[in-house]
Amino acid sequence: MKRLIAEEYKRFEDIKQVREDGSEFWSARELAVALDYTQWRNFTGVIKRAMIAGENSGHDIFHDFAEVSKIVEAGATNKPVNSIEE
């Protein structure tokens, strides 16, 4: 059991990002992959439920779930995709 916990911890630590001010965040698109979601549209429902739970707990969801856009490679071209930084 300890080994499983260590592996899961490492999975999330590997995709953690740190801003210049030292605050940590995770990209929702990377979290989706880490949690074995194969389609982004299936993970957006999870994010929406997390946002509702955060709001019900008194958190500022616009601060905790920042919507971002980034450019990714799509074959021979690049395209923008939306994500959430949590």
PDB file of N, CA and C in Angstrom:
ATOM      1  N   MET A   1       0.822  -1.193   0.000  1.00  0.00           N
ATOM      2  CA  MET A   1       0.000   0.000   0.000  1.00  0.00           C
ATOM      3  C   MET A   1       0.870   1.263   0.000  1.00  0.00           C
ATOM      4  N   LYS A   2       1.957   1.266   0.791  1.00  0.00           N
ATOM      5  CA  LYS A   2       2.831   2.435   0.823  1.00  0.00           C
ATOM      6  C   LYS A   2       3.418   2.726  -0.549  1.00  0.00           C
ATOM      7  N   ARG A   3       3.751   1.673  -1.277  1.00  0.00           N
ATOM      8  CA  ARG A   3       4.337   1.863  -2.601  1.00  0.00           C
ATOM      9  C   ARG A   3       3.329   2.520  -3.537  1.00  0.00           C
ATOM     10  N   LEU A   4       2.065   2.097  -3.467  1.00  0.00           N
ATOM     11  CA  LEU A   4       1.025   2.686  -4.308  1.00  0.00           C
ATOM     12  C   LEU A   4       0.865   4.164  -3.988  1.00  0.00           C
ATOM     13  N   ILE A   5       0.846   4.497  -2.719  1.00  0.00           N
ATOM     14  CA  ILE A   5       0.706   5.893  -2.325  1.00  0.00           C
ATOM     15  C   ILE A   5       1.887   6.707  -2.845  1.00  0.00           C
ATOM     16  N   ALA A   6       3.086   6.176  -2.740  1.00  0.00           N
ATOM     17  CA  ALA A   6       4.278   6.874  -3.233  1.00  0.00           C
ATOM     18  C   ALA A   6       4.201   7.070  -4.743  1.00  0.00           C
ATOM     19  N   GLU A   7       3.742   6.081  -5.474  1.00  0.00           N
ATOM     20  CA  GLU A   7       3.620   6.200  -6.931  1.00  0.00           C
ATOM     21  C   GLU A   7       2.581   7.246  -7.305  1.00  0.00           C
ATOM     22  N   GLU A   8       1.458   7.255  -6.616  1.00  0.00           N
ATOM     23  CA  GLU A   8       0.417   8.249  -6.893  1.00  0.00           C
ATOM     24  C   GLU A   8       0.913   9.649  -6.566  1.00  0.00           C
ATOM     25  N   TYR A   9       1.598   9.795  -5.453  1.00  0.00           N
ATOM     26  CA  TYR A   9       2.160  11.090  -5.063  1.00  0.00           C
ATOM     27  C   TYR A   9       3.117  11.589  -6.131  1.00  0.00           C
ATOM     28  N   LYS A  10       3.988  10.721  -6.603  1.00  0.00           N
ATOM     29  CA  LYS A  10       4.965  11.097  -7.625  1.00  0.00           C
ATOM     30  C   LYS A  10       4.271  11.515  -8.912  1.00  0.00           C
ATOM     31  N   ARG A  11       3.198  10.830  -9.267  1.00  0.00           N
ATOM     32  CA  ARG A  11       2.464  11.165 -10.492  1.00  0.00           C
ATOM     33  C   ARG A  11       2.000  12.620 -10.459  1.00  0.00           C
ATOM     34  N   PHE A  12       1.510  13.065  -9.318  1.00  0.00           N
ATOM     35  CA  PHE A  12       1.029  14.440  -9.205  1.00  0.00           C
ATOM     36  C   PHE A  12       2.181  15.431  -9.028  1.00  0.00           C
ATOM     37  N   GLU A  13       3.215  15.034  -8.337  1.00  0.00           N
ATOM     38  CA  GLU A  13       4.380  15.902  -8.185  1.00  0.00           C
ATOM     39  C   GLU A  13       5.070  16.133  -9.528  1.00  0.00           C
ATOM     40  N   ASP A  14       5.076  15.127 -10.387  1.00  0.00           N
ATOM     41  CA  ASP A  14       5.727  15.247 -11.689  1.00  0.00           C
ATOM     42  C   ASP A  14       5.065  16.285 -12.593  1.00  0.00           C
ATOM     43  N   ILE A  15       3.780  16.533 -12.401  1.00  0.00           N
ATOM     44  CA  ILE A  15       3.088  17.495 -13.269  1.00  0.00           C
ATOM     45  C   ILE A  15       2.824  18.827 -12.566  1.00  0.00           C
ATOM     46  N   LYS A  16       3.246  18.929 -11.316  1.00  0.00           N
ATOM     47  CA  LYS A  16       3.075  20.184 -10.572  1.00  0.00           C
ATOM     48  C   LYS A  16       3.907  21.274 -11.239  1.00  0.00           C
ATOM     49  N   GLN A  17       3.352  22.473 -11.282  1.00  0.00           N
ATOM     50  CA  GLN A  17       4.066  23.628 -11.809  1.00  0.00           C
ATOM     51  C   GLN A  17       4.136  24.682 -10.709  1.00  0.00           C
ATOM     52  N   VAL A  18       5.150  25.527 -10.776  1.00  0.00           N
ATOM     53  CA  VAL A  18       5.348  26.557  -9.761  1.00  0.00           C
ATOM     54  C   VAL A  18       5.464  27.916 -10.448  1.00  0.00           C
ATOM     55  N   ARG A  19       4.654  28.856  -9.984  1.00  0.00           N
ATOM     56  CA  ARG A  19       4.698  30.217 -10.511  1.00  0.00           C
ATOM     57  C   ARG A  19       5.907  30.955  -9.940  1.00  0.00           C
ATOM     58  N   GLU A  20       6.194  32.127 -10.501  1.00  0.00           N
ATOM     59  CA  GLU A  20       7.329  32.935 -10.030  1.00  0.00           C
ATOM     60  C   GLU A  20       7.198  33.306  -8.563  1.00  0.00           C
ATOM     61  N   ASP A  21       5.965  33.453  -8.068  1.00  0.00           N
ATOM     62  CA  ASP A  21       5.768  33.821  -6.661  1.00  0.00           C
ATOM     63  C   ASP A  21       5.857  32.617  -5.724  1.00  0.00           C
ATOM     64  N   GLY A  22       6.121  31.431  -6.277  1.00  0.00           N
ATOM     65  CA  GLY A  22       6.272  30.226  -5.467  1.00  0.00           C
ATOM     66  C   GLY A  22       4.995  29.428  -5.289  1.00  0.00           C
ATOM     67  N   SER A  23       3.856  29.957  -5.750  1.00  0.00           N
ATOM     68  CA  SER A  23       2.609  29.209  -5.611  1.00  0.00           C
ATOM     69  C   SER A  23       2.574  28.045  -6.600  1.00  0.00           C
ATOM     70  N   GLU A  24       1.980  26.950  -6.167  1.00  0.00           N
ATOM     71  CA  GLU A  24       1.915  25.740  -6.975  1.00  0.00           C
ATOM     72  C   GLU A  24       0.565  25.626  -7.667  1.00  0.00           C
ATOM     73  N   PHE A  25       0.586  24.992  -8.845  1.00  0.00           N
ATOM     74  CA  PHE A  25      -0.671  24.734  -9.539  1.00  0.00           C
ATOM     75  C   PHE A  25      -0.503  23.533 -10.459  1.00  0.00           C
ATOM     76  N   TRP A  26      -1.631  23.015 -10.888  1.00  0.00           N
ATOM     77  CA  TRP A  26      -1.651  21.893 -11.817  1.00  0.00           C
ATOM     78  C   TRP A  26      -2.524  22.264 -12.997  1.00  0.00           C
ATOM     79  N   SER A  27      -2.124  21.856 -14.177  1.00  0.00           N
ATOM     80  CA  SER A  27      -2.931  22.047 -15.384  1.00  0.00           C
ATOM     81  C   SER A  27      -4.005  20.973 -15.406  1.00  0.00           C
ATOM     82  N   ALA A  28      -5.239  21.377 -15.616  1.00  0.00           N
ATOM     83  CA  ALA A  28      -6.335  20.412 -15.653  1.00  0.00           C
ATOM     84  C   ALA A  28      -6.140  19.391 -16.775  1.00  0.00           C
ATOM     85  N   ARG A  29      -5.598  19.807 -17.891  1.00  0.00           N
ATOM     86  CA  ARG A  29      -5.362  18.850 -18.987  1.00  0.00           C
ATOM     87  C   ARG A  29      -4.348  17.791 -18.585  1.00  0.00           C
ATOM     88  N   GLU A  30      -3.321  18.185 -17.858  1.00  0.00           N
ATOM     89  CA  GLU A  30      -2.341  17.208 -17.378  1.00  0.00           C
ATOM     90  C   GLU A  30      -2.926  16.341 -16.268  1.00  0.00           C
ATOM     91  N   LEU A  31      -3.777  16.928 -15.409  1.00  0.00           N
ATOM     92  CA  LEU A  31      -4.442  16.145 -14.380  1.00  0.00           C
ATOM     93  C   LEU A  31      -5.354  15.088 -14.996  1.00  0.00           C
ATOM     94  N   ALA A  32      -6.044  15.468 -16.065  1.00  0.00           N
ATOM     95  CA  ALA A  32      -6.933  14.515 -16.734  1.00  0.00           C
ATOM     96  C   ALA A  32      -6.164  13.278 -17.182  1.00  0.00           C
ATOM     97  N   VAL A  33      -5.005  13.491 -17.758  1.00  0.00           N
ATOM     98  CA  VAL A  33      -4.170  12.366 -18.206  1.00  0.00           C
ATOM     99  C   VAL A  33      -3.698  11.554 -17.000  1.00  0.00           C
ATOM    100  N   ALA A  34      -3.259  12.238 -15.941  1.00  0.00           N
ATOM    101  CA  ALA A  34      -2.771  11.550 -14.744  1.00  0.00           C
ATOM    102  C   ALA A  34      -3.870  10.716 -14.093  1.00  0.00           C
ATOM    103  N   LEU A  35      -5.110  11.151 -14.250  1.00  0.00           N
ATOM    104  CA  LEU A  35      -6.245  10.425 -13.675  1.00  0.00           C
ATOM    105  C   LEU A  35      -6.897   9.463 -14.672  1.00  0.00           C
ATOM    106  N   ASP A  36      -6.221   9.238 -15.789  1.00  0.00           N
ATOM    107  CA  ASP A  36      -6.645   8.264 -16.808  1.00  0.00           C
ATOM    108  C   ASP A  36      -7.926   8.630 -17.558  1.00  0.00           C
ATOM    109  N   TYR A  37      -8.211   9.923 -17.686  1.00  0.00           N
ATOM    110  CA  TYR A  37      -9.314  10.348 -18.551  1.00  0.00           C
ATOM    111  C   TYR A  37      -8.772  10.412 -19.973  1.00  0.00           C
ATOM    112  N   THR A  38      -9.445   9.752 -20.894  1.00  0.00           N
ATOM    113  CA  THR A  38      -8.961   9.722 -22.270  1.00  0.00           C
ATOM    114  C   THR A  38      -9.524  10.858 -23.104  1.00  0.00           C
ATOM    115  N   GLN A  39     -10.611  11.483 -22.638  1.00  0.00           N
ATOM    116  CA  GLN A  39     -11.218  12.580 -23.391  1.00  0.00           C
ATOM    117  C   GLN A  39     -11.422  13.779 -22.468  1.00  0.00           C
ATOM    118  N   TRP A  40     -10.969  14.921 -22.945  1.00  0.00           N
ATOM    119  CA  TRP A  40     -11.072  16.163 -22.182  1.00  0.00           C
ATOM    120  C   TRP A  40     -12.513  16.462 -21.794  1.00  0.00           C
ATOM    121  N   ARG A  41     -13.439  16.236 -22.691  1.00  0.00           N
ATOM    122  CA  ARG A  41     -14.845  16.578 -22.414  1.00  0.00           C
ATOM    123  C   ARG A  41     -15.393  15.785 -21.228  1.00  0.00           C
ATOM    124  N   ASN A  42     -14.867  14.598 -20.974  1.00  0.00           N
ATOM    125  CA  ASN A  42     -15.304  13.831 -19.807  1.00  0.00           C
ATOM    126  C   ASN A  42     -14.741  14.410 -18.510  1.00  0.00           C
ATOM    127  N   PHE A  43     -13.586  15.021 -18.579  1.00  0.00           N
ATOM    128  CA  PHE A  43     -12.967  15.590 -17.387  1.00  0.00           C
ATOM    129  C   PHE A  43     -13.553  16.951 -17.037  1.00  0.00           C
ATOM    130  N   THR A  44     -14.125  17.653 -17.986  1.00  0.00           N
ATOM    131  CA  THR A  44     -14.688  18.976 -17.684  1.00  0.00           C
ATOM    132  C   THR A  44     -15.829  18.874 -16.674  1.00  0.00           C
ATOM    133  N   GLY A  45     -16.561  17.782 -16.690  1.00  0.00           N
ATOM    134  CA  GLY A  45     -17.617  17.584 -15.688  1.00  0.00           C
ATOM    135  C   GLY A  45     -17.038  17.468 -14.287  1.00  0.00           C
ATOM    136  N   VAL A  46     -15.904  16.815 -14.168  1.00  0.00           N
ATOM    137  CA  VAL A  46     -15.208  16.693 -12.882  1.00  0.00           C
ATOM    138  C   VAL A  46     -14.796  18.075 -12.390  1.00  0.00           C
ATOM    139  N   ILE A  47     -14.277  18.880 -13.290  1.00  0.00           N
ATOM    140  CA  ILE A  47     -13.857  20.235 -12.925  1.00  0.00           C
ATOM    141  C   ILE A  47     -15.060  21.054 -12.459  1.00  0.00           C
ATOM    142  N   LYS A  48     -16.159  20.958 -13.172  1.00  0.00           N
ATOM    143  CA  LYS A  48     -17.359  21.716 -12.791  1.00  0.00           C
ATOM    144  C   LYS A  48     -17.844  21.322 -11.405  1.00  0.00           C
ATOM    145  N   ARG A  49     -17.820  20.024 -11.098  1.00  0.00           N
ATOM    146  CA  ARG A  49     -18.237  19.577  -9.764  1.00  0.00           C
ATOM    147  C   ARG A  49     -17.260  20.062  -8.696  1.00  0.00           C
ATOM    148  N   ALA A  50     -15.976  20.068  -9.011  1.00  0.00           N
ATOM    149  CA  ALA A  50     -14.976  20.575  -8.065  1.00  0.00           C
ATOM    150  C   ALA A  50     -15.182  22.070  -7.823  1.00  0.00           C
ATOM    151  N   MET A  51     -15.549  22.797  -8.865  1.00  0.00           N
ATOM    152  CA  MET A  51     -15.799  24.227  -8.719  1.00  0.00           C
ATOM    153  C   MET A  51     -17.014  24.469  -7.820  1.00  0.00           C
ATOM    154  N   ILE A  52     -18.048  23.682  -7.986  1.00  0.00           N
ATOM    155  CA  ILE A  52     -19.246  23.813  -7.137  1.00  0.00           C
ATOM    156  C   ILE A  52     -18.891  23.513  -5.688  1.00  0.00           C
ATOM    157  N   ALA A  53     -18.119  22.446  -5.471  1.00  0.00           N
ATOM    158  CA  ALA A  53     -17.703  22.092  -4.109  1.00  0.00           C
ATOM    159  C   ALA A  53     -16.859  23.205  -3.500  1.00  0.00           C
ATOM    160  N   GLY A  54     -15.961  23.779  -4.273  1.00  0.00           N
ATOM    161  CA  GLY A  54     -15.130  24.872  -3.780  1.00  0.00           C
ATOM    162  C   GLY A  54     -15.954  26.094  -3.425  1.00  0.00           C
ATOM    163  N   GLU A  55     -16.891  26.417  -4.302  1.00  0.00           N
ATOM    164  CA  GLU A  55     -17.760  27.569  -4.053  1.00  0.00           C
ATOM    165  C   GLU A  55     -18.599  27.348  -2.792  1.00  0.00           C
ATOM    166  N   ASN A  56     -19.124  26.129  -2.630  1.00  0.00           N
ATOM    167  CA  ASN A  56     -19.918  25.813  -1.439  1.00  0.00           C
ATOM    168  C   ASN A  56     -19.084  25.860  -0.167  1.00  0.00           C
ATOM    169  N   SER A  57     -17.781  25.708  -0.298  1.00  0.00           N
ATOM    170  CA  SER A  57     -16.871  25.768   0.855  1.00  0.00           C
ATOM    171  C   SER A  57     -16.359  27.176   1.110  1.00  0.00           C
ATOM    172  N   GLY A  58     -16.816  28.133   0.315  1.00  0.00           N
ATOM    173  CA  GLY A  58     -16.430  29.522   0.525  1.00  0.00           C
ATOM    174  C   GLY A  58     -15.170  29.957  -0.196  1.00  0.00           C
ATOM    175  N   HIS A  59     -14.667  29.141  -1.119  1.00  0.00           N
ATOM    176  CA  HIS A  59     -13.458  29.498  -1.865  1.00  0.00           C
ATOM    177  C   HIS A  59     -13.805  30.398  -3.052  1.00  0.00           C
ATOM    178  N   ASP A  60     -12.844  31.199  -3.447  1.00  0.00           N
ATOM    179  CA  ASP A  60     -12.981  32.037  -4.636  1.00  0.00           C
ATOM    180  C   ASP A  60     -12.622  31.181  -5.847  1.00  0.00           C
ATOM    181  N   ILE A  61     -13.624  30.626  -6.517  1.00  0.00           N
ATOM    182  CA  ILE A  61     -13.350  29.673  -7.598  1.00  0.00           C
ATOM    183  C   ILE A  61     -12.660  30.335  -8.778  1.00  0.00           C
ATOM    184  N   PHE A  62     -12.819  31.637  -8.949  1.00  0.00           N
ATOM    185  CA  PHE A  62     -12.149  32.311 -10.066  1.00  0.00           C
ATOM    186  C   PHE A  62     -10.651  32.447  -9.798  1.00  0.00           C
ATOM    187  N   HIS A  63     -10.279  32.377  -8.538  1.00  0.00           N
ATOM    188  CA  HIS A  63      -8.866  32.381  -8.171  1.00  0.00           C
ATOM    189  C   HIS A  63      -8.316  30.953  -8.178  1.00  0.00           C
ATOM    190  N   ASP A  64      -9.121  30.011  -7.669  1.00  0.00           N
ATOM    191  CA  ASP A  64      -8.674  28.619  -7.546  1.00  0.00           C
ATOM    192  C   ASP A  64      -8.722  27.856  -8.863  1.00  0.00           C
ATOM    193  N   PHE A  65      -9.548  28.276  -9.788  1.00  0.00           N
ATOM    194  CA  PHE A  65      -9.703  27.604 -11.075  1.00  0.00           C
ATOM    195  C   PHE A  65      -9.573  28.639 -12.193  1.00  0.00           C
ATOM    196  N   ALA A  66      -8.357  29.016 -12.504  1.00  0.00           N
ATOM    197  CA  ALA A  66      -8.108  30.046 -13.508  1.00  0.00           C
ATOM    198  C   ALA A  66      -8.166  29.438 -14.910  1.00  0.00           C
ATOM    199  N   GLU A  67      -9.016  29.991 -15.759  1.00  0.00           N
ATOM    200  CA  GLU A  67      -9.113  29.518 -17.145  1.00  0.00           C
ATOM    201  C   GLU A  67      -7.954  30.096 -17.950  1.00  0.00           C
ATOM    202  N   VAL A  68      -7.276  29.237 -18.687  1.00  0.00           N
ATOM    203  CA  VAL A  68      -6.124  29.646 -19.489  1.00  0.00           C
ATOM    204  C   VAL A  68      -6.252  29.047 -20.887  1.00  0.00           C
ATOM    205  N   SER A  69      -5.497  29.615 -21.800  1.00  0.00           N
ATOM    206  CA  SER A  69      -5.432  29.095 -23.167  1.00  0.00           C
ATOM    207  C   SER A  69      -3.962  28.972 -23.532  1.00  0.00           C
ATOM    208  N   LYS A  70      -3.625  27.869 -24.194  1.00  0.00           N
ATOM    209  CA  LYS A  70      -2.249  27.713 -24.649  1.00  0.00           C
ATOM    210  C   LYS A  70      -2.241  27.084 -26.028  1.00  0.00           C
ATOM    211  N   ILE A  71      -1.127  27.229 -26.713  1.00  0.00           N
ATOM    212  CA  ILE A  71      -0.978  26.706 -28.068  1.00  0.00           C
ATOM    213  C   ILE A  71      -0.331  25.319 -27.988  1.00  0.00           C
ATOM    214  N   VAL A  72      -0.936  24.360 -28.696  1.00  0.00           N
ATOM    215  CA  VAL A  72      -0.385  23.002 -28.746  1.00  0.00           C
ATOM    216  C   VAL A  72      -0.195  22.594 -30.199  1.00  0.00           C
ATOM    217  N   GLU A  73       0.699  21.643 -30.401  1.00  0.00           N
ATOM    218  CA  GLU A  73       0.903  21.119 -31.750  1.00  0.00           C
ATOM    219  C   GLU A  73      -0.260  20.210 -32.118  1.00  0.00           C
ATOM    220  N   ALA A  74      -0.728  20.371 -33.349  1.00  0.00           N
ATOM    221  CA  ALA A  74      -1.827  19.548 -33.869  1.00  0.00           C
ATOM    222  C   ALA A  74      -1.460  19.111 -35.279  1.00  0.00           C
ATOM    223  N   GLY A  75      -0.673  18.060 -35.374  1.00  0.00           N
ATOM    224  CA  GLY A  75      -0.212  17.608 -36.685  1.00  0.00           C
ATOM    225  C   GLY A  75       0.804  18.579 -37.240  1.00  0.00           C
ATOM    226  N   ALA A  76       0.522  19.111 -38.425  1.00  0.00           N
ATOM    227  CA  ALA A  76       1.460  20.021 -39.089  1.00  0.00           C
ATOM    228  C   ALA A  76       1.245  21.474 -38.680  1.00  0.00           C
ATOM    229  N   THR A  77       0.300  21.730 -37.782  1.00  0.00           N
ATOM    230  CA  THR A  77      -0.013  23.098 -37.390  1.00  0.00           C
ATOM    231  C   THR A  77      -0.086  23.209 -35.869  1.00  0.00           C
ATOM    232  N   ASN A  78      -0.375  24.383 -35.388  1.00  0.00           N
ATOM    233  CA  ASN A  78      -0.594  24.621 -33.961  1.00  0.00           C
ATOM    234  C   ASN A  78      -2.008  25.119 -33.777  1.00  0.00           C
ATOM    235  N   LYS A  79      -2.595  24.847 -32.594  1.00  0.00           N
ATOM    236  CA  LYS A  79      -3.936  25.342 -32.320  1.00  0.00           C
ATOM    237  C   LYS A  79      -4.060  25.689 -30.848  1.00  0.00           C
ATOM    238  N   PRO A  80      -4.919  26.645 -30.520  1.00  0.00           N
ATOM    239  CA  PRO A  80      -5.125  26.983 -29.107  1.00  0.00           C
ATOM    240  C   PRO A  80      -6.071  25.981 -28.454  1.00  0.00           C
ATOM    241  N   VAL A  81      -5.805  25.649 -27.191  1.00  0.00           N
ATOM    242  CA  VAL A  81      -6.707  24.814 -26.409  1.00  0.00           C
ATOM    243  C   VAL A  81      -6.919  25.485 -25.064  1.00  0.00           C
ATOM    244  N   ASN A  82      -8.112  25.320 -24.515  1.00  0.00           N
ATOM    245  CA  ASN A  82      -8.430  25.868 -23.210  1.00  0.00           C
ATOM    246  C   ASN A  82      -8.109  24.840 -22.140  1.00  0.00           C
ATOM    247  N   SER A  83      -7.750  25.336 -20.978  1.00  0.00           N
ATOM    248  CA  SER A  83      -7.489  24.488 -19.828  1.00  0.00           C
ATOM    249  C   SER A  83      -7.796  25.288 -18.574  1.00  0.00           C
ATOM    250  N   ILE A  84      -7.607  24.650 -17.448  1.00  0.00           N
ATOM    251  CA  ILE A  84      -7.807  25.282 -16.159  1.00  0.00           C
ATOM    252  C   ILE A  84      -6.540  25.059 -15.345  1.00  0.00           C
ATOM    253  N   GLU A  85      -6.096  26.100 -14.653  1.00  0.00           N
ATOM    254  CA  GLU A  85      -5.002  25.954 -13.708  1.00  0.00           C
ATOM    255  C   GLU A  85      -5.619  25.873 -12.327  1.00  0.00           C
ATOM    256  N   GLU A  86      -5.358  24.768 -11.633  1.00  0.00           N
ATOM    257  CA  GLU A  86      -5.966  24.554 -10.316  1.00  0.00           C
ATOM    258  C   GLU A  86      -4.918  24.594  -9.244  1.00  0.00           C
TER     259      GLU A  86
END
